[in-house]
């Protein structure tokens, strides 16, 4: 009985340790994912559709700029969450 109880305690502590170390996704991380995704979507639209590539990229930069403006001015990352 003591062996299984000890094993359960170890498992619980390992699970708790993993939960504490689990990284969280910050808004700044999402911005870093969204910016290239928007530009790749614009490039893909320009290649696949009949629209010209420069026009499709110009349209794709509008939401990318809005996202960048949001990240820089509306909700800037704070230095307190940095390691």
N, C-alpha and C. Protein backbone atom coordinates (compact mmCIF):
# COMPACT_ATOMS: atom_id res chain seq x y z
N UNK A 1 0.81 -1.19 0.00
CA UNK A 1 0.00 0.00 0.00
C UNK A 1 0.86 1.26 0.00
N UNK A 2 1.92 1.27 0.75
CA UNK A 2 2.73 2.47 0.81
C UNK A 2 3.42 2.75 -0.51
N UNK A 3 3.78 1.67 -1.22
CA UNK A 3 4.42 1.88 -2.52
C UNK A 3 3.47 2.55 -3.50
N UNK A 4 2.24 2.06 -3.58
CA UNK A 4 1.29 2.66 -4.52
C UNK A 4 0.93 4.08 -4.10
N UNK A 5 0.85 4.33 -2.82
CA UNK A 5 0.55 5.68 -2.34
C UNK A 5 1.71 6.62 -2.67
N UNK A 6 2.93 6.14 -2.51
CA UNK A 6 4.09 6.94 -2.85
C UNK A 6 4.12 7.23 -4.35
N UNK A 7 3.78 6.25 -5.15
CA UNK A 7 3.75 6.43 -6.60
C UNK A 7 2.69 7.46 -6.99
N UNK A 8 1.52 7.41 -6.34
CA UNK A 8 0.48 8.39 -6.62
C UNK A 8 0.93 9.80 -6.26
N UNK A 9 1.63 9.94 -5.14
CA UNK A 9 2.13 11.25 -4.75
C UNK A 9 3.13 11.77 -5.77
N UNK A 10 3.98 10.89 -6.26
CA UNK A 10 4.96 11.30 -7.27
C UNK A 10 4.27 11.72 -8.55
N UNK A 11 3.29 10.97 -8.97
CA UNK A 11 2.55 11.32 -10.19
C UNK A 11 1.86 12.66 -10.04
N UNK A 12 1.26 12.89 -8.91
CA UNK A 12 0.58 14.17 -8.69
C UNK A 12 1.57 15.32 -8.74
N UNK A 13 2.71 15.14 -8.12
CA UNK A 13 3.69 16.23 -8.11
C UNK A 13 4.25 16.47 -9.52
N UNK A 14 4.43 15.42 -10.30
CA UNK A 14 4.92 15.58 -11.67
C UNK A 14 3.87 16.30 -12.51
N UNK A 15 2.63 15.92 -12.36
CA UNK A 15 1.56 16.57 -13.11
C UNK A 15 1.45 18.04 -12.73
N UNK A 16 1.56 18.34 -11.45
CA UNK A 16 1.51 19.74 -11.01
C UNK A 16 2.69 20.53 -11.54
N UNK A 17 3.86 19.89 -11.57
CA UNK A 17 5.05 20.58 -12.10
C UNK A 17 4.90 20.88 -13.58
N UNK A 18 4.34 19.95 -14.32
CA UNK A 18 4.14 20.17 -15.76
C UNK A 18 3.12 21.28 -15.98
N UNK A 19 2.07 21.30 -15.19
CA UNK A 19 1.06 22.35 -15.34
C UNK A 19 1.64 23.72 -15.03
N UNK A 20 2.55 23.79 -14.06
CA UNK A 20 3.16 25.07 -13.72
C UNK A 20 4.10 25.54 -14.82
N UNK A 21 4.75 24.63 -15.51
CA UNK A 21 5.70 24.99 -16.56
C UNK A 21 5.05 25.19 -17.92
N UNK A 22 3.80 24.82 -18.05
CA UNK A 22 3.13 24.91 -19.34
C UNK A 22 3.13 26.36 -19.82
N UNK A 23 3.63 26.58 -21.02
CA UNK A 23 3.68 27.96 -21.51
C UNK A 23 2.29 28.47 -21.87
N UNK A 24 2.10 29.73 -21.66
CA UNK A 24 0.85 30.36 -22.05
C UNK A 24 1.09 31.18 -23.30
N UNK A 25 0.05 31.36 -24.06
CA UNK A 25 0.15 32.13 -25.30
C UNK A 25 -0.25 33.57 -24.99
N UNK A 26 0.69 34.46 -25.16
CA UNK A 26 0.44 35.88 -24.92
C UNK A 26 -0.07 36.52 -26.21
N UNK A 27 -0.75 37.66 -26.09
CA UNK A 27 -1.20 38.36 -27.29
C UNK A 27 -0.05 38.71 -28.24
N UNK A 28 1.11 39.00 -27.70
CA UNK A 28 2.26 39.30 -28.56
C UNK A 28 2.66 38.08 -29.39
N UNK A 29 2.52 36.90 -28.82
CA UNK A 29 2.81 35.68 -29.56
C UNK A 29 1.81 35.48 -30.70
N UNK A 30 0.56 35.78 -30.42
CA UNK A 30 -0.46 35.66 -31.47
C UNK A 30 -0.21 36.64 -32.61
N UNK A 31 0.26 37.82 -32.28
CA UNK A 31 0.58 38.80 -33.32
C UNK A 31 1.70 38.28 -34.20
N UNK A 32 2.68 37.65 -33.60
CA UNK A 32 3.78 37.08 -34.37
C UNK A 32 3.31 35.95 -35.28
N UNK A 33 2.23 35.30 -34.94
CA UNK A 33 1.66 34.27 -35.81
C UNK A 33 0.74 34.86 -36.88
N UNK A 34 -0.01 35.89 -36.51
CA UNK A 34 -1.01 36.45 -37.43
C UNK A 34 -0.38 37.25 -38.56
N UNK A 35 0.66 38.02 -38.26
CA UNK A 35 1.25 38.88 -39.29
C UNK A 35 1.73 38.09 -40.52
N UNK A 36 2.56 37.08 -40.37
CA UNK A 36 2.96 36.34 -41.57
C UNK A 36 1.82 35.55 -42.18
N UNK A 37 0.86 35.11 -41.36
CA UNK A 37 -0.28 34.37 -41.90
C UNK A 37 -1.10 35.26 -42.84
N UNK A 38 -1.30 36.51 -42.46
CA UNK A 38 -2.03 37.43 -43.32
C UNK A 38 -1.28 37.70 -44.63
N UNK A 39 0.02 37.86 -44.54
CA UNK A 39 0.80 38.12 -45.74
C UNK A 39 0.87 36.90 -46.65
N UNK A 40 0.97 35.72 -46.07
CA UNK A 40 0.95 34.50 -46.88
C UNK A 40 -0.41 34.31 -47.52
N UNK A 41 -1.47 34.64 -46.80
CA UNK A 41 -2.82 34.56 -47.39
C UNK A 41 -2.96 35.52 -48.55
N UNK A 42 -2.42 36.72 -48.43
CA UNK A 42 -2.46 37.67 -49.54
C UNK A 42 -1.64 37.20 -50.72
N UNK A 43 -0.48 36.64 -50.45
CA UNK A 43 0.35 36.11 -51.54
C UNK A 43 -0.36 34.96 -52.25
N UNK A 44 -0.98 34.07 -51.46
CA UNK A 44 -1.72 32.95 -52.05
C UNK A 44 -2.89 33.44 -52.88
N UNK A 45 -3.60 34.43 -52.38
CA UNK A 45 -4.72 34.99 -53.14
C UNK A 45 -4.23 35.61 -54.45
N UNK A 46 -3.09 36.25 -54.42
CA UNK A 46 -2.55 36.85 -55.64
C UNK A 46 -2.11 35.83 -56.65
N UNK A 47 -1.57 34.72 -56.19
CA UNK A 47 -1.11 33.67 -57.09
C UNK A 47 -2.28 32.89 -57.66
N UNK A 48 -3.26 32.58 -56.82
CA UNK A 48 -4.36 31.72 -57.25
C UNK A 48 -5.42 32.48 -58.03
N UNK A 49 -5.72 33.70 -57.65
CA UNK A 49 -6.82 34.43 -58.28
C UNK A 49 -6.33 35.22 -59.49
N UNK A 50 -7.26 35.90 -60.08
CA UNK A 50 -6.92 36.72 -61.25
C UNK A 50 -6.39 38.10 -60.84
N UNK A 51 -6.42 38.40 -59.55
CA UNK A 51 -5.89 39.68 -59.08
C UNK A 51 -4.36 39.68 -59.21
N UNK A 52 -3.81 40.84 -59.41
CA UNK A 52 -2.36 40.90 -59.53
C UNK A 52 -1.73 40.67 -58.16
N UNK A 53 -0.54 40.16 -58.17
CA UNK A 53 0.16 39.85 -56.93
C UNK A 53 0.43 41.11 -56.09
N UNK A 54 0.89 42.20 -56.69
CA UNK A 54 1.08 43.41 -55.87
C UNK A 54 -0.21 43.93 -55.25
N UNK A 55 -1.31 43.84 -55.98
CA UNK A 55 -2.59 44.31 -55.44
C UNK A 55 -3.05 43.42 -54.28
N UNK A 56 -2.88 42.11 -54.43
CA UNK A 56 -3.29 41.20 -53.36
C UNK A 56 -2.43 41.41 -52.12
N UNK A 57 -1.14 41.63 -52.31
CA UNK A 57 -0.27 41.88 -51.16
C UNK A 57 -0.58 43.22 -50.51
N UNK A 58 -0.94 44.22 -51.32
CA UNK A 58 -1.31 45.52 -50.76
C UNK A 58 -2.56 45.41 -49.91
N UNK A 59 -3.51 44.62 -50.37
CA UNK A 59 -4.74 44.42 -49.59
C UNK A 59 -4.43 43.63 -48.32
N UNK A 60 -3.52 42.68 -48.40
CA UNK A 60 -3.19 41.86 -47.23
C UNK A 60 -2.42 42.66 -46.19
N UNK A 61 -1.73 43.70 -46.61
CA UNK A 61 -0.98 44.48 -45.63
C UNK A 61 -1.88 45.34 -44.75
N UNK A 62 -3.09 45.63 -45.20
CA UNK A 62 -4.00 46.46 -44.39
C UNK A 62 -4.36 45.80 -43.06
N UNK A 63 -4.85 44.55 -43.06
CA UNK A 63 -5.10 43.94 -41.75
C UNK A 63 -3.81 43.64 -40.98
N UNK A 64 -2.71 43.41 -41.71
CA UNK A 64 -1.44 43.19 -41.02
C UNK A 64 -0.99 44.47 -40.30
N UNK A 65 -1.16 45.61 -40.96
CA UNK A 65 -0.82 46.88 -40.31
C UNK A 65 -1.74 47.18 -39.14
N UNK A 66 -3.01 46.84 -39.28
CA UNK A 66 -3.95 47.04 -38.18
C UNK A 66 -3.57 46.16 -36.99
N UNK A 67 -3.17 44.93 -37.25
CA UNK A 67 -2.73 44.03 -36.18
C UNK A 67 -1.47 44.55 -35.53
N UNK A 68 -0.54 45.04 -36.31
CA UNK A 68 0.69 45.58 -35.77
C UNK A 68 0.42 46.84 -34.93
N UNK A 69 -0.47 47.70 -35.42
CA UNK A 69 -0.84 48.88 -34.65
C UNK A 69 -1.51 48.52 -33.34
N UNK A 70 -2.35 47.50 -33.37
CA UNK A 70 -2.98 47.04 -32.13
C UNK A 70 -1.93 46.57 -31.14
N UNK A 71 -0.97 45.78 -31.64
CA UNK A 71 0.05 45.21 -30.75
C UNK A 71 1.00 46.27 -30.21
N UNK A 72 1.30 47.28 -31.01
CA UNK A 72 2.27 48.28 -30.57
C UNK A 72 1.66 49.39 -29.72
N UNK A 73 0.45 49.81 -30.04
CA UNK A 73 -0.10 51.00 -29.40
C UNK A 73 -1.28 50.73 -28.48
N UNK A 74 -2.15 49.81 -28.83
CA UNK A 74 -3.33 49.58 -28.02
C UNK A 74 -3.04 48.61 -26.86
N UNK A 75 -2.35 47.52 -27.16
CA UNK A 75 -2.04 46.51 -26.14
C UNK A 75 -0.58 46.11 -26.24
N UNK A 76 0.34 47.02 -25.89
CA UNK A 76 1.77 46.71 -26.03
C UNK A 76 2.20 45.64 -25.04
N UNK A 77 3.19 44.84 -25.42
CA UNK A 77 3.67 43.83 -24.48
C UNK A 77 4.39 44.49 -23.31
N UNK A 78 4.21 43.93 -22.14
CA UNK A 78 4.87 44.48 -20.96
C UNK A 78 6.15 43.70 -20.69
N UNK A 79 7.08 44.33 -20.06
CA UNK A 79 8.35 43.68 -19.75
C UNK A 79 8.29 42.75 -18.56
N UNK A 80 7.18 42.74 -17.84
CA UNK A 80 7.10 41.92 -16.63
C UNK A 80 6.96 40.44 -16.92
N UNK A 81 6.45 40.06 -18.09
CA UNK A 81 6.27 38.64 -18.40
C UNK A 81 7.50 38.04 -19.07
N UNK A 82 8.50 38.86 -19.35
CA UNK A 82 9.70 38.33 -19.98
C UNK A 82 10.52 37.55 -18.97
N UNK A 83 11.20 36.52 -19.47
CA UNK A 83 12.02 35.68 -18.58
C UNK A 83 13.34 36.32 -18.30
